[in-house]
Amino acid sequence: LYSRRLSVVIGWVVMGLAFLIEGALPLVPVVIAVQLLIGIGDTFVSGAHDAWATDEVIHTDPSVDPSSVILRGQQAAFAGRLVGPWLG
C-alpha cells in the first residue's frame, strides 16, 4: 500500500514538473524531452492508482466488489470529460 501511494505521488510530481518545464520553454527539443518525462510519470501512475483504490476499498469494506467501485470512478471521469469542456 505504501509503495503504491509513493508511486502515484512520484508520478504526479514528475508530470507536474514536466508540464511546468514545457510551459516555460516552448521549444521543440524541450517539448520532445518533456513528453518523455510525462510518459515516465504516467508509467508510475497508471496501474498504481487503480491498485491503491482497490486496496482502500478492500480494507474499508470487504463486502464491496472493488471492480464496481473502479467502474463507477471511470464512469464519473468520463462524464466529467464530456461535461467539462462545456462548462469551461
Protein backbone atom coordinates (compact mmCIF):
# COMPACT_ATOMS: atom_id res chain seq x y z
CA LEU A 1 0.00 0.00 0.00
CA TYR A 2 2.78 2.42 0.88
CA SER A 3 4.68 1.86 -2.36
CA ARG A 4 1.51 2.39 -4.43
CA ARG A 5 0.89 5.74 -2.78
CA LEU A 6 4.51 6.68 -3.28
CA SER A 7 4.34 5.63 -6.92
CA VAL A 8 1.28 7.83 -7.51
CA VAL A 9 2.93 10.78 -5.77
CA ILE A 10 6.17 10.36 -7.74
CA GLY A 11 4.24 10.10 -11.00
CA TRP A 12 2.18 13.25 -10.40
CA VAL A 13 5.25 15.22 -9.28
CA VAL A 14 7.21 14.16 -12.37
CA MET A 15 4.31 15.02 -14.68
CA GLY A 16 3.68 18.35 -12.93
CA LEU A 17 7.31 19.38 -13.24
CA ALA A 18 7.33 18.29 -16.87
CA PHE A 19 4.30 20.46 -17.65
CA LEU A 20 5.94 23.42 -15.90
CA ILE A 21 9.10 22.99 -17.96
CA GLU A 22 7.08 22.61 -21.15
CA GLY A 23 5.19 25.82 -20.45
CA ALA A 24 8.32 27.75 -19.55
CA LEU A 25 10.37 26.63 -22.57
CA PRO A 26 8.10 26.03 -25.57
CA LEU A 27 10.89 24.84 -27.87
CA VAL A 28 10.56 21.70 -29.98
CA PRO A 29 13.53 19.79 -28.46
CA VAL A 30 12.35 20.68 -24.95
CA VAL A 31 8.77 19.61 -25.72
CA ILE A 32 10.02 16.26 -27.05
CA ALA A 33 12.15 15.68 -23.95
CA VAL A 34 9.30 16.72 -21.66
CA GLN A 35 6.92 14.30 -23.37
CA LEU A 36 9.33 11.53 -22.44
CA LEU A 37 9.19 12.72 -18.82
CA ILE A 38 5.40 12.77 -18.94
CA GLY A 39 5.47 9.18 -20.21
CA ILE A 40 7.70 8.16 -17.32
CA GLY A 41 5.39 9.90 -14.83
CA ASP A 42 2.33 8.28 -16.37
CA THR A 43 4.01 4.89 -16.05
CA PHE A 44 4.28 5.45 -12.30
CA VAL A 45 0.62 6.45 -12.02
CA SER A 46 -1.14 4.14 -14.50
CA GLY A 47 -1.57 0.90 -12.57
CA ALA A 48 -0.73 2.15 -9.10
CA HIS A 49 -3.73 4.47 -8.90
CA ASP A 50 -6.24 1.68 -9.56
CA ALA A 51 -4.38 -0.73 -7.28
CA TRP A 52 -4.31 1.84 -4.48
CA ALA A 53 -8.05 2.46 -4.84
CA THR A 54 -8.72 -1.28 -4.84
CA ASP A 55 -6.71 -1.75 -1.65
CA GLU A 56 -8.57 1.10 0.04
CA VAL A 57 -11.95 -0.41 -0.89
CA ILE A 58 -10.94 -3.88 0.33
CA HIS A 59 -9.66 -2.53 3.65
CA THR A 60 -12.65 -0.22 4.19
CA ASP A 61 -15.47 -2.67 3.38
CA PRO A 62 -14.52 -6.22 2.34
CA SER A 63 -18.07 -6.95 1.18
CA VAL A 64 -17.87 -4.38 -1.65
CA ASP A 65 -16.64 -5.54 -5.05
CA PRO A 66 -13.63 -3.37 -5.99
CA SER A 67 -14.31 -3.71 -9.72
CA SER A 68 -17.69 -2.00 -9.34
CA VAL A 69 -16.06 0.89 -7.48
CA ILE A 70 -13.38 1.28 -10.17
CA LEU A 71 -16.07 1.15 -12.87
CA ARG A 72 -18.09 3.89 -11.11
CA GLY A 73 -14.97 6.02 -10.86
CA GLN A 74 -14.21 5.60 -14.55
CA GLN A 75 -17.81 6.43 -15.45
CA ALA A 76 -17.63 9.61 -13.36
CA ALA A 77 -14.33 10.56 -15.01
CA PHE A 78 -15.85 10.01 -18.44
CA ALA A 79 -18.87 12.14 -17.55
CA GLY A 80 -16.52 14.86 -16.36
CA ARG A 81 -14.64 14.73 -19.66
CA LEU A 82 -17.91 15.19 -21.51
CA VAL A 83 -19.30 17.99 -19.35
CA GLY A 84 -16.02 19.77 -18.51
CA PRO A 85 -15.40 21.39 -21.91
CA TRP A 86 -18.95 22.74 -21.98
CA LEU A 87 -18.55 24.24 -18.53
CA GLY A 88 -15.14 25.63 -19.49
